[in-house]
Amino acid sequence: MVSIFIVEDDESLSILYKKALILNGYDVIALAKNGQEAVNIFKELQNKPDIILMDHRMPIKNGLEATKEILKINNNSKIIFASADSSIKEEAISIGAISFKNKPFTLNKLIQNIEKVLNLDNMKI
């Protein structure tokens, strides 16, 4: 089962993502409300997630900072950035995010994006 780590400070969005992902057969292994919490949880996870869904604007540490730290810990992490701030798209991709979703987006688009990322991974094998 594909494991997903959701990093999102908007609790209602986090719950929505979690429910939709579980209904579509994914295993949501962790939730974080800010970038610092995301890094701390990621360090503690014995089994790293297949995909991290990363928000950008969050308290304490933003998504770009958290992405950089997580990729230093495990540069194979597949991070899908999700943000209403499209001005950071190039930077997110340049530091290692595998995909960028402009908010708002449909849950269908999110599932399609996750599948595309997983298929890219399978092609490399």
Protein backbone atom coordinates (compact mmCIF):
# COMPACT_ATOMS: atom_id res chain seq x y z
CA MET A 1 0.00 0.00 0.00
CA VAL A 2 1.30 3.46 -0.93
CA SER A 3 2.09 5.55 2.15
CA ILE A 4 1.53 9.30 2.29
CA PHE A 5 2.60 11.98 4.77
CA ILE A 6 0.40 15.11 4.75
CA VAL A 7 1.95 18.43 5.78
CA GLU A 8 -0.80 21.06 5.92
CA ASP A 9 -1.58 23.74 8.53
CA ASP A 10 -5.24 24.09 7.51
CA GLU A 11 -6.87 21.39 9.62
CA SER A 12 -9.99 21.11 7.45
CA LEU A 13 -7.85 20.61 4.32
CA SER A 14 -5.68 18.08 6.11
CA ILE A 15 -8.76 16.07 7.14
CA LEU A 16 -10.19 16.31 3.61
CA TYR A 17 -6.92 15.08 2.04
CA LYS A 18 -6.68 12.25 4.57
CA LYS A 19 -10.24 11.01 4.01
CA ALA A 20 -9.97 11.25 0.21
CA LEU A 21 -6.61 9.46 0.14
CA ILE A 22 -7.79 6.66 2.43
CA LEU A 23 -10.95 6.21 0.32
CA ASN A 24 -8.70 5.87 -2.73
CA GLY A 25 -6.63 3.11 -1.13
CA TYR A 26 -3.67 5.06 0.22
CA ASP A 27 -2.20 4.75 3.70
CA VAL A 28 -1.86 8.14 5.42
CA ILE A 29 0.97 7.42 7.85
CA ALA A 30 1.42 10.88 9.40
CA LEU A 31 0.07 14.43 9.57
CA ALA A 32 2.00 17.61 10.40
CA LYS A 33 0.69 21.15 10.96
CA ASN A 34 3.90 23.04 10.14
CA GLY A 35 7.28 22.55 8.52
CA GLN A 36 9.19 22.03 11.76
CA GLU A 37 6.76 19.36 12.92
CA ALA A 38 7.06 17.74 9.47
CA VAL A 39 10.86 17.49 9.73
CA ASN A 40 10.66 16.12 13.29
CA ILE A 41 8.05 13.51 12.36
CA PHE A 42 9.94 12.54 9.19
CA LYS A 43 13.11 11.90 11.22
CA GLU A 44 11.16 9.61 13.57
CA LEU A 45 9.36 7.56 10.90
CA GLN A 46 10.95 4.12 10.63
CA ASN A 47 9.32 3.54 7.24
CA LYS A 48 9.59 6.69 5.17
CA PRO A 49 6.50 7.70 3.19
CA ASP A 50 6.25 6.99 -0.53
CA ILE A 51 4.93 10.52 -1.06
CA ILE A 52 4.84 13.72 0.99
CA LEU A 53 2.08 16.23 0.27
CA MET A 54 3.65 19.58 1.30
CA ASP A 55 1.93 22.91 1.87
CA HIS A 56 4.00 26.09 1.58
CA ARG A 57 2.66 28.83 3.86
CA MET A 58 2.76 27.40 7.37
CA PRO A 59 3.77 28.69 10.80
CA ILE A 60 7.24 28.10 12.29
CA LYS A 61 8.82 26.71 9.10
CA ASN A 62 7.45 26.97 5.56
CA GLY A 63 7.23 24.20 2.99
CA LEU A 64 10.38 25.20 1.11
CA GLU A 65 12.48 25.09 4.28
CA ALA A 66 10.93 21.78 5.36
CA THR A 67 11.46 20.28 1.88
CA LYS A 68 15.16 21.21 1.94
CA GLU A 69 15.63 19.60 5.36
CA ILE A 70 13.69 16.45 4.49
CA LEU A 71 15.65 15.99 1.26
CA LYS A 72 18.91 16.33 3.23
CA ILE A 73 17.72 13.45 5.42
CA ASN A 74 16.50 11.34 2.47
CA ASN A 75 17.07 12.69 -1.04
CA ASN A 76 14.80 9.97 -2.50
CA SER A 77 11.72 11.53 -0.88
CA LYS A 78 8.96 12.32 -3.38
CA ILE A 79 7.42 15.63 -2.45
CA ILE A 80 4.31 17.01 -4.10
CA PHE A 81 4.06 20.70 -3.30
CA ALA A 82 0.54 22.10 -2.87
CA SER A 83 0.28 25.88 -2.63
CA ALA A 84 -1.81 28.85 -3.68
CA ASP A 85 1.47 30.77 -4.05
CA SER A 86 2.47 29.92 -7.62
CA SER A 87 5.43 32.34 -7.41
CA ILE A 88 7.39 29.67 -5.53
CA LYS A 89 6.75 26.89 -8.07
CA GLU A 90 10.15 27.16 -9.78
CA GLU A 91 12.00 27.25 -6.47
CA ALA A 92 10.04 24.24 -5.12
CA ILE A 93 10.91 22.21 -8.22
CA SER A 94 14.53 23.40 -8.24
CA ILE A 95 15.13 22.29 -4.63
CA GLY A 96 13.74 18.83 -5.31
CA ALA A 97 9.93 18.77 -5.21
CA ILE A 98 8.78 16.28 -7.82
CA SER A 99 5.54 18.12 -8.61
CA PHE A 100 3.68 21.35 -7.85
CA LYS A 101 -0.10 21.62 -7.46
CA ASN A 102 -1.66 25.10 -7.57
CA LYS A 103 -4.38 25.46 -4.92
CA PRO A 104 -7.26 25.13 -5.26
CA PHE A 105 -7.29 21.79 -7.06
CA THR A 106 -9.74 18.92 -7.20
CA LEU A 107 -9.19 15.73 -5.25
CA ASN A 108 -9.29 13.93 -8.62
CA LYS A 109 -6.32 16.02 -9.80
CA LEU A 110 -4.45 15.19 -6.61
CA ILE A 111 -5.02 11.44 -7.06
CA GLN A 112 -3.95 11.68 -10.72
CA ASN A 113 -0.81 13.53 -9.68
CA ILE A 114 0.05 10.92 -7.05
CA GLU A 115 -0.44 8.15 -9.61
CA LYS A 116 1.77 9.99 -12.11
CA VAL A 117 4.54 10.33 -9.52
CA LEU A 118 4.27 6.63 -8.64
CA ASN A 119 4.37 5.67 -12.31
CA LEU A 120 7.48 7.81 -12.86
CA ASP A 121 9.11 5.91 -10.02
CA ASN A 122 8.20 2.55 -11.55
CA MET A 123 9.68 3.58 -14.91
CA LYS A 124 13.07 4.19 -13.29
CA ILE A 125 13.29 0.64 -11.94
